[in-house]
Structures are given as C-alpha cells and as structure tokens.
C-alpha cells in the first residue's frame, strides 16, 4: 500500500514538473507576442508621425508659394 502511494506521488510530481515546463513555454510565447505587438505599434506610430510631418511641411511650402 505505501509503495503504491509513493509511486503515485512520484507520478504526480512528474506531471507537475511537466506542467510547469509547459507553462514556462507558454509564458515565453506570450512574451514574444507582446514584444512583437509593441514593436509593431511603435513602427506604425513612427510611420504615421513621419507622414503627418511630411504633409504639414509640404502644405506649409505650398502656402509659402502662394504668397
């Protein structure tokens, strides 16, 4: 009886270790997605701000030509 119990405990500990490893892998995957999303948002924001500064420069130049 005690031997069976010890065997069951050892199996459960092995399963817990496997689950912890899976959780660690999932955390790493989530972190990759978060960093990627932040990078994408940064590039999109910089792209949008550079376009708006270019258009404001060109509209200011056009206004100066009409004077």
Foldseek 3Di string as FASTA:
>chain_A
DVVVVVVVVVVVVVVVVVVVVVVVVVVVVVVVVVVVVVVVVVVVVVVVVVVVVVVVVVVVVVVVVVD
